[in-house]
Amino acid sequence: AGIVEAGDGQEAVEVLQTAAFTFSVILMDVMMPQMCGLEATRRIRADPRYSSVPILGVTGDCGPGTLQQCLDAGMTSAMGKPLDTPALRACLLRHLQPEHAPSICFSLTSLP
């Protein structure tokens, strides 16, 4: 596959539910219109296909409370915005299983 972008949390859930394949990793913005990334993550985790797929949260609020909310919602890890490209790359490589094709679902309102 490749990279699939969703404009908000609701769209991300719909994309993942209707995909003909299972994504290898999901990059999820925490604050989005329609449905926030925390709720989208909870709904995605309810799908058995995505119970162990890494969901990497992205947030402008890197306070300990927000990071804990990300983990509590089911995200694997979280990082702050603006995104640091080397840190993002390292995070993606750390969480991708080598046997999986590198398909990524981006659910970001905008990339810096």
N, C-alpha and C. Protein backbone atom coordinates (compact mmCIF):
# COMPACT_ATOMS: atom_id res chain seq x y z
N ALA A 1 0.85 -1.17 0.00
CA ALA A 1 0.00 0.00 0.00
C ALA A 1 0.89 1.23 0.00
N GLY A 2 0.61 2.18 0.84
CA GLY A 2 1.36 3.41 0.90
C GLY A 2 0.86 4.25 2.04
N ILE A 3 0.80 5.53 1.83
CA ILE A 3 0.32 6.47 2.85
C ILE A 3 -1.10 6.86 2.51
N VAL A 4 -1.97 6.81 3.51
CA VAL A 4 -3.36 7.23 3.36
C VAL A 4 -3.60 8.34 4.37
N GLU A 5 -4.15 9.45 3.93
CA GLU A 5 -4.40 10.59 4.81
C GLU A 5 -5.88 10.73 5.07
N ALA A 6 -6.22 10.99 6.34
CA ALA A 6 -7.60 11.27 6.73
C ALA A 6 -7.64 12.67 7.33
N GLY A 7 -8.70 13.42 7.06
CA GLY A 7 -8.80 14.80 7.50
C GLY A 7 -9.22 15.00 8.94
N ASP A 8 -9.83 13.98 9.54
CA ASP A 8 -10.26 14.07 10.93
C ASP A 8 -10.38 12.66 11.52
N GLY A 9 -10.68 12.59 12.80
CA GLY A 9 -10.75 11.30 13.48
C GLY A 9 -11.82 10.38 12.93
N GLN A 10 -12.99 10.92 12.63
CA GLN A 10 -14.08 10.11 12.09
C GLN A 10 -13.67 9.49 10.75
N GLU A 11 -13.07 10.31 9.90
CA GLU A 11 -12.63 9.81 8.60
C GLU A 11 -11.55 8.74 8.78
N ALA A 12 -10.65 8.92 9.74
CA ALA A 12 -9.61 7.92 9.99
C ALA A 12 -10.23 6.58 10.38
N VAL A 13 -11.22 6.62 11.27
CA VAL A 13 -11.89 5.38 11.68
C VAL A 13 -12.54 4.72 10.48
N GLU A 14 -13.24 5.50 9.66
CA GLU A 14 -13.90 4.95 8.46
C GLU A 14 -12.90 4.35 7.48
N VAL A 15 -11.79 5.03 7.26
CA VAL A 15 -10.76 4.53 6.34
C VAL A 15 -10.23 3.19 6.84
N LEU A 16 -9.93 3.12 8.12
CA LEU A 16 -9.37 1.89 8.67
C LEU A 16 -10.38 0.75 8.66
N GLN A 17 -11.65 1.06 8.91
CA GLN A 17 -12.68 0.01 8.94
C GLN A 17 -12.97 -0.55 7.55
N THR A 18 -12.80 0.26 6.51
CA THR A 18 -13.16 -0.18 5.17
C THR A 18 -11.96 -0.60 4.32
N ALA A 19 -10.76 -0.45 4.84
CA ALA A 19 -9.57 -0.81 4.07
C ALA A 19 -9.55 -2.31 3.79
N ALA A 20 -9.07 -2.67 2.62
CA ALA A 20 -8.97 -4.07 2.23
C ALA A 20 -7.74 -4.74 2.85
N PHE A 21 -6.94 -3.99 3.57
CA PHE A 21 -5.73 -4.50 4.21
C PHE A 21 -5.64 -3.87 5.59
N THR A 22 -4.71 -4.35 6.40
CA THR A 22 -4.48 -3.80 7.73
C THR A 22 -3.23 -2.93 7.67
N PHE A 23 -3.33 -1.71 8.16
CA PHE A 23 -2.19 -0.81 8.18
C PHE A 23 -1.14 -1.31 9.16
N SER A 24 0.12 -0.98 8.90
CA SER A 24 1.23 -1.39 9.76
C SER A 24 1.44 -0.45 10.93
N VAL A 25 1.12 0.82 10.75
CA VAL A 25 1.28 1.83 11.79
C VAL A 25 0.31 2.97 11.49
N ILE A 26 -0.15 3.64 12.54
CA ILE A 26 -1.10 4.76 12.39
C ILE A 26 -0.51 5.97 13.10
N LEU A 27 -0.41 7.08 12.40
CA LEU A 27 0.02 8.35 12.96
C LEU A 27 -1.23 9.17 13.20
N MET A 28 -1.52 9.49 14.46
CA MET A 28 -2.81 10.09 14.83
C MET A 28 -2.62 11.43 15.53
N ASP A 29 -3.18 12.49 14.96
CA ASP A 29 -3.20 13.80 15.62
C ASP A 29 -4.19 13.71 16.78
N VAL A 30 -3.86 14.32 17.89
CA VAL A 30 -4.73 14.27 19.06
C VAL A 30 -5.91 15.22 18.92
N MET A 31 -5.66 16.44 18.46
CA MET A 31 -6.72 17.44 18.35
C MET A 31 -7.16 17.59 16.90
N MET A 32 -8.38 17.13 16.61
CA MET A 32 -8.92 17.20 15.24
C MET A 32 -10.40 17.55 15.30
N PRO A 33 -10.94 18.07 14.20
CA PRO A 33 -12.39 18.32 14.15
C PRO A 33 -13.17 17.01 14.05
N GLN A 34 -14.45 17.07 14.23
CA GLN A 34 -15.39 15.94 14.13
C GLN A 34 -15.20 14.93 15.26
N MET A 35 -14.01 14.35 15.37
CA MET A 35 -13.72 13.37 16.41
C MET A 35 -12.23 13.51 16.75
N CYS A 36 -11.93 13.68 18.02
CA CYS A 36 -10.53 13.84 18.42
C CYS A 36 -9.76 12.53 18.25
N GLY A 37 -8.46 12.64 18.24
CA GLY A 37 -7.62 11.47 18.08
C GLY A 37 -7.73 10.47 19.21
N LEU A 38 -8.05 10.94 20.41
CA LEU A 38 -8.21 10.02 21.54
C LEU A 38 -9.41 9.10 21.32
N GLU A 39 -10.54 9.68 20.93
CA GLU A 39 -11.74 8.88 20.67
C GLU A 39 -11.54 7.98 19.45
N ALA A 40 -10.91 8.53 18.42
CA ALA A 40 -10.64 7.72 17.22
C ALA A 40 -9.77 6.52 17.59
N THR A 41 -8.78 6.73 18.44
CA THR A 41 -7.90 5.63 18.87
C THR A 41 -8.69 4.57 19.62
N ARG A 42 -9.58 4.99 20.52
CA ARG A 42 -10.40 4.01 21.25
C ARG A 42 -11.23 3.16 20.29
N ARG A 43 -11.82 3.81 19.30
CA ARG A 43 -12.65 3.08 18.33
C ARG A 43 -11.80 2.15 17.45
N ILE A 44 -10.63 2.62 17.08
CA ILE A 44 -9.74 1.80 16.26
C ILE A 44 -9.28 0.58 17.06
N ARG A 45 -8.95 0.76 18.31
CA ARG A 45 -8.51 -0.34 19.16
C ARG A 45 -9.61 -1.39 19.36
N ALA A 46 -10.87 -1.00 19.22
CA ALA A 46 -11.98 -1.94 19.37
C ALA A 46 -12.04 -2.93 18.20
N ASP A 47 -11.40 -2.61 17.09
CA ASP A 47 -11.35 -3.49 15.93
C ASP A 47 -10.21 -4.48 16.14
N PRO A 48 -10.49 -5.78 16.18
CA PRO A 48 -9.44 -6.77 16.45
C PRO A 48 -8.24 -6.69 15.50
N ARG A 49 -8.45 -6.23 14.28
CA ARG A 49 -7.32 -6.10 13.34
C ARG A 49 -6.30 -5.08 13.83
N TYR A 50 -6.75 -4.12 14.64
CA TYR A 50 -5.88 -3.03 15.08
C TYR A 50 -5.58 -3.06 16.57
N SER A 51 -5.81 -4.19 17.21
CA SER A 51 -5.58 -4.27 18.65
C SER A 51 -4.10 -4.11 19.02
N SER A 52 -3.20 -4.48 18.12
CA SER A 52 -1.77 -4.36 18.44
C SER A 52 -0.98 -3.53 17.43
N VAL A 53 -1.66 -2.93 16.45
CA VAL A 53 -0.97 -2.07 15.49
C VAL A 53 -0.54 -0.79 16.21
N PRO A 54 0.71 -0.37 16.05
CA PRO A 54 1.16 0.86 16.72
C PRO A 54 0.36 2.07 16.27
N ILE A 55 -0.12 2.84 17.24
CA ILE A 55 -0.77 4.13 16.98
C ILE A 55 0.10 5.18 17.65
N LEU A 56 0.69 6.04 16.85
CA LEU A 56 1.61 7.06 17.34
C LEU A 56 0.89 8.40 17.39
N GLY A 57 0.71 8.93 18.57
CA GLY A 57 0.02 10.19 18.74
C GLY A 57 0.92 11.38 18.44
N VAL A 58 0.31 12.44 17.92
CA VAL A 58 1.01 13.69 17.63
C VAL A 58 0.20 14.80 18.27
N THR A 59 0.86 15.63 19.09
CA THR A 59 0.13 16.67 19.81
C THR A 59 0.95 17.94 19.97
N GLY A 60 0.27 19.06 20.01
CA GLY A 60 0.91 20.33 20.28
C GLY A 60 1.08 20.57 21.77
N ASP A 61 0.40 19.78 22.58
CA ASP A 61 0.46 19.88 24.04
C ASP A 61 1.23 18.68 24.57
N CYS A 62 2.48 18.89 24.92
CA CYS A 62 3.34 17.78 25.35
C CYS A 62 3.39 17.64 26.87
N GLY A 63 2.42 18.22 27.55
CA GLY A 63 2.39 18.10 29.00
C GLY A 63 2.16 16.66 29.42
N PRO A 64 2.57 16.31 30.64
CA PRO A 64 2.43 14.92 31.09
C PRO A 64 0.97 14.44 31.11
N GLY A 65 0.02 15.33 31.37
CA GLY A 65 -1.39 14.94 31.37
C GLY A 65 -1.86 14.52 29.99
N THR A 66 -1.48 15.27 28.97
CA THR A 66 -1.87 14.93 27.60
C THR A 66 -1.21 13.64 27.14
N LEU A 67 0.07 13.50 27.44
CA LEU A 67 0.76 12.27 27.04
C LEU A 67 0.14 11.05 27.72
N GLN A 68 -0.26 11.19 28.98
CA GLN A 68 -0.91 10.07 29.67
C GLN A 68 -2.27 9.78 29.06
N GLN A 69 -3.01 10.82 28.67
CA GLN A 69 -4.30 10.61 28.00
C GLN A 69 -4.11 9.82 26.71
N CYS A 70 -3.04 10.11 25.97
CA CYS A 70 -2.75 9.38 24.73
C CYS A 70 -2.55 7.89 25.03
N LEU A 71 -1.76 7.61 26.03
CA LEU A 71 -1.49 6.21 26.39
C LEU A 71 -2.76 5.54 26.91
N ASP A 72 -3.53 6.24 27.73
CA ASP A 72 -4.77 5.68 28.27
C ASP A 72 -5.79 5.37 27.17
N ALA A 73 -5.78 6.15 26.09
CA ALA A 73 -6.71 5.94 24.98
C ALA A 73 -6.29 4.75 24.12
N GLY A 74 -5.04 4.30 24.27
CA GLY A 74 -4.58 3.15 23.51
C GLY A 74 -3.46 3.45 22.53
N MET A 75 -2.97 4.69 22.53
CA MET A 75 -1.85 5.00 21.65
C MET A 75 -0.60 4.31 22.19
N THR A 76 0.27 3.92 21.29
CA THR A 76 1.51 3.23 21.65
C THR A 76 2.52 4.21 22.22
N SER A 77 2.57 5.39 21.64
CA SER A 77 3.45 6.45 22.11
C SER A 77 2.93 7.77 21.55
N ALA A 78 3.53 8.87 21.97
CA ALA A 78 3.11 10.18 21.48
C ALA A 78 4.33 11.07 21.37
N MET A 79 4.25 12.03 20.46
CA MET A 79 5.33 12.99 20.27
C MET A 79 4.74 14.37 20.02
N GLY A 80 5.55 15.39 20.27
CA GLY A 80 5.08 16.75 20.14
C GLY A 80 5.22 17.31 18.75
N LYS A 81 4.43 18.38 18.50
CA LYS A 81 4.53 19.14 17.27
C LYS A 81 5.26 20.44 17.61
N PRO A 82 6.00 21.01 16.70
CA PRO A 82 6.19 20.50 15.35
C PRO A 82 7.01 19.21 15.37
N LEU A 83 6.74 18.36 14.38
CA LEU A 83 7.41 17.07 14.32
C LEU A 83 8.88 17.25 13.98
N ASP A 84 9.70 16.51 14.67
CA ASP A 84 11.13 16.45 14.39
C ASP A 84 11.33 15.24 13.48
N THR A 85 11.72 15.47 12.24
CA THR A 85 11.80 14.40 11.24
C THR A 85 12.66 13.22 11.67
N PRO A 86 13.87 13.44 12.19
CA PRO A 86 14.65 12.28 12.63
C PRO A 86 13.98 11.51 13.77
N ALA A 87 13.35 12.23 14.70
CA ALA A 87 12.66 11.55 15.80
C ALA A 87 11.46 10.77 15.29
N LEU A 88 10.71 11.33 14.35
CA LEU A 88 9.57 10.63 13.76
C LEU A 88 10.04 9.37 13.04
N ARG A 89 11.09 9.50 12.26
CA ARG A 89 11.63 8.34 11.53
C ARG A 89 12.05 7.25 12.51
N ALA A 90 12.77 7.62 13.56
CA ALA A 90 13.22 6.65 14.56
C ALA A 90 12.03 5.97 15.24
N CYS A 91 11.01 6.76 15.55
CA CYS A 91 9.81 6.21 16.19
C CYS A 91 9.10 5.22 15.26
N LEU A 92 8.94 5.59 14.01
CA LEU A 92 8.29 4.70 13.04
C LEU A 92 9.07 3.40 12.89
N LEU A 93 10.38 3.51 12.74
CA LEU A 93 11.20 2.31 12.57
C LEU A 93 11.18 1.43 13.82
N ARG A 94 11.12 2.05 14.99
CA ARG A 94 11.08 1.29 16.25
C ARG A 94 9.79 0.48 16.36
N HIS A 95 8.69 1.02 15.83
CA HIS A 95 7.40 0.36 16.00
C HIS A 95 6.97 -0.51 14.83
N LEU A 96 7.58 -0.34 13.67
CA LEU A 96 7.20 -1.17 12.52
C LEU A 96 7.78 -2.57 12.66
N GLN A 97 6.97 -3.56 12.43
CA GLN A 97 7.44 -4.94 12.42
C GLN A 97 8.14 -5.18 11.08
N PRO A 98 9.33 -5.78 11.07
CA PRO A 98 10.06 -5.95 9.81
C PRO A 98 9.31 -6.77 8.77
N GLU A 99 8.43 -7.68 9.20
CA GLU A 99 7.72 -8.51 8.24
C GLU A 99 6.51 -7.81 7.61
N HIS A 100 6.14 -6.64 8.11
CA HIS A 100 5.00 -5.90 7.57
C HIS A 100 5.42 -4.94 6.47
N ALA A 101 4.57 -4.78 5.49
CA ALA A 101 4.80 -3.74 4.48
C ALA A 101 4.61 -2.39 5.16
N PRO A 102 5.42 -1.39 4.82
CA PRO A 102 5.34 -0.10 5.52
C PRO A 102 4.17 0.75 5.06
N SER A 103 2.97 0.34 5.40
CA SER A 103 1.80 1.16 5.07
C SER A 103 1.45 2.00 6.29
N ILE A 104 1.19 3.26 6.06
CA ILE A 104 0.99 4.21 7.15
C ILE A 104 -0.30 4.97 6.93
N CYS A 105 -1.12 5.10 7.96
CA CYS A 105 -2.33 5.91 7.89
C CYS A 105 -2.07 7.22 8.62
N PHE A 106 -2.06 8.33 7.91
CA PHE A 106 -1.88 9.63 8.53
C PHE A 106 -3.25 10.23 8.83
N SER A 107 -3.46 10.60 10.06
CA SER A 107 -4.68 11.31 10.44
C SER A 107 -4.25 12.62 11.08
N LEU A 108 -3.81 13.53 10.24
CA LEU A 108 -3.29 14.80 10.70
C LEU A 108 -4.01 15.94 10.00
N THR A 109 -4.33 16.97 10.76
CA THR A 109 -4.98 18.11 10.14
C THR A 109 -3.96 18.88 9.29
N SER A 110 -2.69 18.89 9.71
CA SER A 110 -1.66 19.50 8.89
C SER A 110 -0.29 19.06 9.40
N LEU A 111 0.62 18.88 8.49
CA LEU A 111 1.99 18.58 8.86
C LEU A 111 2.78 19.87 8.83
N PRO A 112 3.59 20.13 9.87
CA PRO A 112 4.38 21.38 9.87
C PRO A 112 5.42 21.40 8.78
